[in-house]
């Protein structure tokens, strides 16, 4: 009597992940080079070496493709792990000194901006004329402030922040300092090194919020 072999879907899943990554890579290149509005999904499919139906099957729409591209660029990977659950957050929480926390975050911030600056510039440009892009940019802005609210609460609880500042005000300072425009101006346009940028971030935020 023949024994039926158990179906192993792992190979198909790996291929689907590779295809998804190729489409995201292609979209990133084209959205940055040609602009979001000027890049049809047929061009993304051709760049990725897949059929346009494959792009729709993987993402459903051009808006979702852009949204997933922004999320992957910020996170650095396509893993379903929320930013608060990532290692850099645990590293920051383990540090006992607020300036040390700012220094660790500065390293994470520089690494993130190095990945995302071009994509965020393309997104901001698209948002001026495209409602979907504007909605994604607004969502990103909101999520960045939520993240800085959590960081502000962490710093205040650690101690050493200026007692004259509310948590909301500490959040505002952190939110302003971490904006990707700062990295674009200082590193990409003015030629600062990432180390210079990290030092600027720590000096600026420490002077504004720490005693």
C-alpha atoms as a PDB file:
ATOM      1  CA  UNK A   1       0.000   0.000   0.000  1.00  0.00           C
ATOM      2  CA  UNK A   2       1.462   3.343  -1.059  1.00  0.00           C
ATOM      3  CA  UNK A   3       1.984   5.989   1.630  1.00  0.00           C
ATOM      4  CA  UNK A   4       0.945   9.480   0.700  1.00  0.00           C
ATOM      5  CA  UNK A   5       3.691  12.080   1.172  1.00  0.00           C
ATOM      6  CA  UNK A   6       2.840  15.056   3.372  1.00  0.00           C
ATOM      7  CA  UNK A   7       2.631  18.276   1.389  1.00  0.00           C
ATOM      8  CA  UNK A   8       5.444  20.676   2.280  1.00  0.00           C
ATOM      9  CA  UNK A   9       4.509  24.294   1.609  1.00  0.00           C
ATOM     10  CA  UNK A  10       7.759  25.736   2.920  1.00  0.00           C
ATOM     11  CA  UNK A  11       9.354  25.922  -0.534  1.00  0.00           C
ATOM     12  CA  UNK A  12       6.392  27.763  -1.964  1.00  0.00           C
ATOM     13  CA  UNK A  13       6.363  30.146   1.001  1.00  0.00           C
ATOM     14  CA  UNK A  14      10.050  30.929   0.558  1.00  0.00           C
ATOM     15  CA  UNK A  15       9.485  31.612  -3.119  1.00  0.00           C
ATOM     16  CA  UNK A  16       6.564  33.907  -2.292  1.00  0.00           C
ATOM     17  CA  UNK A  17       8.764  35.850   0.137  1.00  0.00           C
ATOM     18  CA  UNK A  18      11.513  36.147  -2.479  1.00  0.00           C
ATOM     19  CA  UNK A  19       8.990  37.395  -5.029  1.00  0.00           C
ATOM     20  CA  UNK A  20       7.581  39.890  -2.553  1.00  0.00           C
ATOM     21  CA  UNK A  21      11.074  41.180  -1.767  1.00  0.00           C
ATOM     22  CA  UNK A  22      11.899  41.526  -5.471  1.00  0.00           C
ATOM     23  CA  UNK A  23       8.732  43.550  -6.066  1.00  0.00           C
ATOM     24  CA  UNK A  24       9.458  45.829  -3.098  1.00  0.00           C
ATOM     25  CA  UNK A  25      13.045  46.336  -4.284  1.00  0.00           C
ATOM     26  CA  UNK A  26      11.818  47.181  -7.783  1.00  0.00           C
ATOM     27  CA  UNK A  27       9.174  49.575  -6.469  1.00  0.00           C
ATOM     28  CA  UNK A  28      11.746  51.318  -4.297  1.00  0.00           C
ATOM     29  CA  UNK A  29      14.092  51.881  -7.227  1.00  0.00           C
ATOM     30  CA  UNK A  30      11.376  53.151  -9.568  1.00  0.00           C
ATOM     31  CA  UNK A  31       9.481  55.313  -7.063  1.00  0.00           C
ATOM     32  CA  UNK A  32      12.743  57.034  -6.123  1.00  0.00           C
ATOM     33  CA  UNK A  33      13.993  57.404  -9.692  1.00  0.00           C
ATOM     34  CA  UNK A  34      10.791  58.209 -11.588  1.00  0.00           C
ATOM     35  CA  UNK A  35       8.318  59.176  -8.882  1.00  0.00           C
ATOM     36  CA  UNK A  36       5.339  57.331  -7.461  1.00  0.00           C
ATOM     37  CA  UNK A  37       2.713  58.847  -9.747  1.00  0.00           C
ATOM     38  CA  UNK A  38       4.794  58.240 -12.876  1.00  0.00           C
ATOM     39  CA  UNK A  39       5.408  54.564 -12.101  1.00  0.00           C
ATOM     40  CA  UNK A  40       2.630  52.169 -13.137  1.00  0.00           C
ATOM     41  CA  UNK A  41       2.462  48.705 -11.619  1.00  0.00           C
ATOM     42  CA  UNK A  42       3.298  47.264 -15.035  1.00  0.00           C
ATOM     43  CA  UNK A  43       6.690  48.986 -14.782  1.00  0.00           C
ATOM     44  CA  UNK A  44       7.218  47.617 -11.264  1.00  0.00           C
ATOM     45  CA  UNK A  45       6.352  44.128 -12.487  1.00  0.00           C
ATOM     46  CA  UNK A  46       8.762  44.390 -15.414  1.00  0.00           C
ATOM     47  CA  UNK A  47      11.539  45.675 -13.139  1.00  0.00           C
ATOM     48  CA  UNK A  48      10.925  42.786 -10.720  1.00  0.00           C
ATOM     49  CA  UNK A  49      10.721  40.212 -13.510  1.00  0.00           C
ATOM     50  CA  UNK A  50       7.186  39.079 -12.676  1.00  0.00           C
ATOM     51  CA  UNK A  51       3.728  39.385 -14.179  1.00  0.00           C
ATOM     52  CA  UNK A  52       1.627  42.361 -13.140  1.00  0.00           C
ATOM     53  CA  UNK A  53      -0.956  39.900 -11.834  1.00  0.00           C
ATOM     54  CA  UNK A  54       1.693  38.695  -9.386  1.00  0.00           C
ATOM     55  CA  UNK A  55       2.091  42.228  -8.061  1.00  0.00           C
ATOM     56  CA  UNK A  56      -1.656  42.510  -7.514  1.00  0.00           C
ATOM     57  CA  UNK A  57      -1.759  39.087  -5.870  1.00  0.00           C
ATOM     58  CA  UNK A  58       1.028  40.048  -3.455  1.00  0.00           C
ATOM     59  CA  UNK A  59      -0.103  43.578  -2.580  1.00  0.00           C
ATOM     60  CA  UNK A  60      -3.600  44.160  -3.897  1.00  0.00           C
ATOM     61  CA  UNK A  61      -3.038  47.761  -4.937  1.00  0.00           C
ATOM     62  CA  UNK A  62      -0.386  50.339  -5.700  1.00  0.00           C
ATOM     63  CA  UNK A  63      -1.190  52.144  -2.445  1.00  0.00           C
ATOM     64  CA  UNK A  64      -0.562  48.993  -0.399  1.00  0.00           C
ATOM     65  CA  UNK A  65       2.690  48.415  -2.256  1.00  0.00           C
ATOM     66  CA  UNK A  66       3.861  51.927  -1.323  1.00  0.00           C
ATOM     67  CA  UNK A  67       2.738  51.486   2.280  1.00  0.00           C
ATOM     68  CA  UNK A  68       4.545  48.158   2.638  1.00  0.00           C
ATOM     69  CA  UNK A  69       7.655  49.629   1.009  1.00  0.00           C
ATOM     70  CA  UNK A  70       7.734  52.472   3.546  1.00  0.00           C
ATOM     71  CA  UNK A  71       7.223  50.042   6.441  1.00  0.00           C
ATOM     72  CA  UNK A  72       9.978  47.707   5.252  1.00  0.00           C
ATOM     73  CA  UNK A  73      12.375  50.568   4.630  1.00  0.00           C
ATOM     74  CA  UNK A  74      11.865  51.915   8.146  1.00  0.00           C
ATOM     75  CA  UNK A  75      12.121  48.515   9.835  1.00  0.00           C
ATOM     76  CA  UNK A  76      14.999  47.273   7.711  1.00  0.00           C
ATOM     77  CA  UNK A  77      13.254  43.982   6.957  1.00  0.00           C
ATOM     78  CA  UNK A  78       9.847  42.539   6.123  1.00  0.00           C
ATOM     79  CA  UNK A  79       9.438  40.605   9.360  1.00  0.00           C
ATOM     80  CA  UNK A  80       6.062  40.957  11.149  1.00  0.00           C
ATOM     81  CA  UNK A  81       7.662  42.443  14.277  1.00  0.00           C
ATOM     82  CA  UNK A  82       6.392  45.795  15.552  1.00  0.00           C
ATOM     83  CA  UNK A  83       9.019  48.473  16.193  1.00  0.00           C
ATOM     84  CA  UNK A  84       8.389  48.524  19.984  1.00  0.00           C
ATOM     85  CA  UNK A  85       9.259  44.820  20.056  1.00  0.00           C
ATOM     86  CA  UNK A  86      12.578  45.154  18.255  1.00  0.00           C
ATOM     87  CA  UNK A  87      16.013  44.754  19.806  1.00  0.00           C
ATOM     88  CA  UNK A  88      17.018  48.418  19.774  1.00  0.00           C
ATOM     89  CA  UNK A  89      14.074  49.231  22.053  1.00  0.00           C
ATOM     90  CA  UNK A  90      15.169  46.589  24.564  1.00  0.00           C
ATOM     91  CA  UNK A  91      18.714  47.970  24.362  1.00  0.00           C
ATOM     92  CA  UNK A  92      17.477  51.471  25.186  1.00  0.00           C
ATOM     93  CA  UNK A  93      15.284  50.280  28.037  1.00  0.00           C
ATOM     94  CA  UNK A  94      18.211  48.418  29.603  1.00  0.00           C
ATOM     95  CA  UNK A  95      20.355  51.562  29.862  1.00  0.00           C
ATOM     96  CA  UNK A  96      20.174  53.391  33.212  1.00  0.00           C
ATOM     97  CA  UNK A  97      21.187  56.861  32.015  1.00  0.00           C
ATOM     98  CA  UNK A  98      19.023  59.169  29.837  1.00  0.00           C
ATOM     99  CA  UNK A  99      21.970  60.443  27.783  1.00  0.00           C
ATOM    100  CA  UNK A 100      23.039  56.855  27.104  1.00  0.00           C
ATOM    101  CA  UNK A 101      19.499  56.123  25.924  1.00  0.00           C
ATOM    102  CA  UNK A 102      19.663  59.095  23.539  1.00  0.00           C
ATOM    103  CA  UNK A 103      23.040  57.890  22.247  1.00  0.00           C
ATOM    104  CA  UNK A 104      21.731  54.383  21.546  1.00  0.00           C
ATOM    105  CA  UNK A 105      18.671  55.790  19.826  1.00  0.00           C
ATOM    106  CA  UNK A 106      20.856  58.108  17.732  1.00  0.00           C
ATOM    107  CA  UNK A 107      22.650  55.084  16.289  1.00  0.00           C
ATOM    108  CA  UNK A 108      19.348  53.422  15.427  1.00  0.00           C
ATOM    109  CA  UNK A 109      18.048  56.668  13.931  1.00  0.00           C
ATOM    110  CA  UNK A 110      21.078  57.162  11.677  1.00  0.00           C
ATOM    111  CA  UNK A 111      20.818  53.570  10.426  1.00  0.00           C
ATOM    112  CA  UNK A 112      17.113  54.014   9.720  1.00  0.00           C
ATOM    113  CA  UNK A 113      17.512  57.340   7.921  1.00  0.00           C
ATOM    114  CA  UNK A 114      20.290  55.919   5.749  1.00  0.00           C
ATOM    115  CA  UNK A 115      17.762  53.377   4.459  1.00  0.00           C
ATOM    116  CA  UNK A 116      14.684  55.539   4.256  1.00  0.00           C
ATOM    117  CA  UNK A 117      15.719  59.056   3.230  1.00  0.00           C
ATOM    118  CA  UNK A 118      15.293  58.581  -0.519  1.00  0.00           C
ATOM    119  CA  UNK A 119      12.030  56.660  -0.144  1.00  0.00           C
ATOM    120  CA  UNK A 120      10.615  59.292   2.226  1.00  0.00           C
ATOM    121  CA  UNK A 121      11.590  62.070  -0.176  1.00  0.00           C
ATOM    122  CA  UNK A 122       9.754  60.220  -2.945  1.00  0.00           C
ATOM    123  CA  UNK A 123       6.755  59.722  -0.652  1.00  0.00           C
ATOM    124  CA  UNK A 124       6.684  63.398   0.355  1.00  0.00           C
ATOM    125  CA  UNK A 125       6.864  64.447  -3.281  1.00  0.00           C
ATOM    126  CA  UNK A 126       4.036  62.115  -4.233  1.00  0.00           C
ATOM    127  CA  UNK A 127       1.921  63.308  -1.292  1.00  0.00           C
ATOM    128  CA  UNK A 128       1.646  66.793  -2.789  1.00  0.00           C
ATOM    129  CA  UNK A 129      -0.564  65.486  -5.587  1.00  0.00           C
ATOM    130  CA  UNK A 130      -1.697  61.960  -4.661  1.00  0.00           C
ATOM    131  CA  UNK A 131      -4.247  61.282  -1.946  1.00  0.00           C
ATOM    132  CA  UNK A 132      -3.040  57.758  -1.245  1.00  0.00           C
ATOM    133  CA  UNK A 133       0.547  58.915  -0.785  1.00  0.00           C
ATOM    134  CA  UNK A 134      -0.625  61.785   1.432  1.00  0.00           C
ATOM    135  CA  UNK A 135      -2.526  59.332   3.631  1.00  0.00           C
ATOM    136  CA  UNK A 136       0.537  57.082   3.963  1.00  0.00           C
ATOM    137  CA  UNK A 137       2.735  60.068   4.833  1.00  0.00           C
ATOM    138  CA  UNK A 138       0.219  61.214   7.468  1.00  0.00           C
ATOM    139  CA  UNK A 139       0.105  57.685   8.920  1.00  0.00           C
ATOM    140  CA  UNK A 140       3.896  57.612   9.098  1.00  0.00           C
ATOM    141  CA  UNK A 141       3.949  61.016  10.785  1.00  0.00           C
ATOM    142  CA  UNK A 142       1.420  59.846  13.370  1.00  0.00           C
ATOM    143  CA  UNK A 143       3.322  56.627  14.059  1.00  0.00           C
ATOM    144  CA  UNK A 144       6.587  58.532  14.479  1.00  0.00           C
ATOM    145  CA  UNK A 145       4.996  60.734  17.107  1.00  0.00           C
ATOM    146  CA  UNK A 146       3.555  57.722  18.911  1.00  0.00           C
ATOM    147  CA  UNK A 147       7.022  56.201  19.000  1.00  0.00           C
ATOM    148  CA  UNK A 148       8.517  59.396  20.400  1.00  0.00           C
ATOM    149  CA  UNK A 149       5.768  59.575  23.028  1.00  0.00           C
ATOM    150  CA  UNK A 150       6.858  56.147  24.249  1.00  0.00           C
ATOM    151  CA  UNK A 151      10.505  57.215  24.203  1.00  0.00           C
ATOM    152  CA  UNK A 152       9.674  60.423  26.098  1.00  0.00           C
ATOM    153  CA  UNK A 153       7.855  58.440  28.779  1.00  0.00           C
ATOM    154  CA  UNK A 154      10.889  56.143  29.040  1.00  0.00           C
ATOM    155  CA  UNK A 155      13.258  59.091  29.505  1.00  0.00           C
ATOM    156  CA  UNK A 156      11.060  60.873  32.048  1.00  0.00           C
ATOM    157  CA  UNK A 157      10.644  57.677  34.067  1.00  0.00           C
ATOM    158  CA  UNK A 158      14.419  57.166  34.044  1.00  0.00           C
ATOM    159  CA  UNK A 159      14.959  60.610  35.567  1.00  0.00           C
ATOM    160  CA  UNK A 160      17.172  63.481  34.542  1.00  0.00           C
ATOM    161  CA  UNK A 161      14.770  65.312  32.258  1.00  0.00           C
ATOM    162  CA  UNK A 162      14.014  68.964  32.880  1.00  0.00           C
ATOM    163  CA  UNK A 163      11.134  69.077  35.412  1.00  0.00           C
ATOM    164  CA  UNK A 164       9.852  72.247  33.758  1.00  0.00           C
ATOM    165  CA  UNK A 165       8.954  70.195  30.663  1.00  0.00           C
ATOM    166  CA  UNK A 166       5.847  68.074  30.366  1.00  0.00           C
ATOM    167  CA  UNK A 167       5.966  64.637  28.753  1.00  0.00           C
ATOM    168  CA  UNK A 168       4.177  66.182  25.777  1.00  0.00           C
ATOM    169  CA  UNK A 169       6.909  68.777  25.397  1.00  0.00           C
ATOM    170  CA  UNK A 170       9.651  66.159  25.649  1.00  0.00           C
ATOM    171  CA  UNK A 171       7.768  64.205  22.995  1.00  0.00           C
ATOM    172  CA  UNK A 172       7.650  67.254  20.748  1.00  0.00           C
ATOM    173  CA  UNK A 173      11.411  67.800  21.015  1.00  0.00           C
ATOM    174  CA  UNK A 174      12.185  64.165  20.232  1.00  0.00           C
ATOM    175  CA  UNK A 175       9.674  64.142  17.381  1.00  0.00           C
ATOM    176  CA  UNK A 176      11.242  67.224  15.820  1.00  0.00           C
ATOM    177  CA  UNK A 177      14.823  66.012  16.213  1.00  0.00           C
ATOM    178  CA  UNK A 178      14.189  62.587  14.692  1.00  0.00           C
ATOM    179  CA  UNK A 179      12.543  63.916  11.525  1.00  0.00           C
ATOM    180  CA  UNK A 180      14.169  62.469   8.415  1.00  0.00           C
ATOM    181  CA  UNK A 181      14.457  65.954   6.899  1.00  0.00           C
ATOM    182  CA  UNK A 182      17.279  66.651   9.380  1.00  0.00           C
ATOM    183  CA  UNK A 183      19.266  63.697   8.069  1.00  0.00           C
ATOM    184  CA  UNK A 184      18.575  64.708   4.483  1.00  0.00           C
ATOM    185  CA  UNK A 185      19.826  68.244   5.074  1.00  0.00           C
ATOM    186  CA  UNK A 186      22.862  67.471   7.205  1.00  0.00           C
ATOM    187  CA  UNK A 187      24.146  64.165   5.799  1.00  0.00           C
ATOM    188  CA  UNK A 188      22.887  63.930   2.233  1.00  0.00           C
ATOM    189  CA  UNK A 189      23.076  67.622   1.333  1.00  0.00           C
ATOM    190  CA  UNK A 190      25.751  69.073   3.595  1.00  0.00           C
ATOM    191  CA  UNK A 191      28.009  66.022   3.648  1.00  0.00           C
ATOM    192  CA  UNK A 192      28.055  65.306   7.386  1.00  0.00           C
ATOM    193  CA  UNK A 193      29.160  61.833   8.427  1.00  0.00           C
ATOM    194  CA  UNK A 194      26.683  59.610  10.232  1.00  0.00           C
ATOM    195  CA  UNK A 195      28.834  59.956  13.358  1.00  0.00           C
ATOM    196  CA  UNK A 196      28.509  63.749  13.106  1.00  0.00           C
ATOM    197  CA  UNK A 197      24.757  63.342  12.745  1.00  0.00           C
ATOM    198  CA  UNK A 198      24.521  61.059  15.785  1.00  0.00           C
ATOM    199  CA  UNK A 199      26.522  63.513  17.887  1.00  0.00           C
ATOM    200  CA  UNK A 200      24.342  66.395  16.712  1.00  0.00           C
ATOM    201  CA  UNK A 201      21.204  64.472  17.669  1.00  0.00           C
ATOM    202  CA  UNK A 202      22.479  63.656  21.170  1.00  0.00           C
ATOM    203  CA  UNK A 203      23.777  67.181  21.840  1.00  0.00           C
ATOM    204  CA  UNK A 204      20.599  68.803  20.547  1.00  0.00           C
ATOM    205  CA  UNK A 205      18.107  66.626  22.385  1.00  0.00           C
ATOM    206  CA  UNK A 206      20.142  66.465  25.607  1.00  0.00           C
ATOM    207  CA  UNK A 207      20.465  70.251  25.727  1.00  0.00           C
ATOM    208  CA  UNK A 208      16.735  70.666  25.157  1.00  0.00           C
ATOM    209  CA  UNK A 209      15.273  68.094  27.553  1.00  0.00           C
ATOM    210  CA  UNK A 210      17.864  67.046  30.157  1.00  0.00           C
ATOM    211  CA  UNK A 211      18.824  68.884  33.301  1.00  0.00           C
END
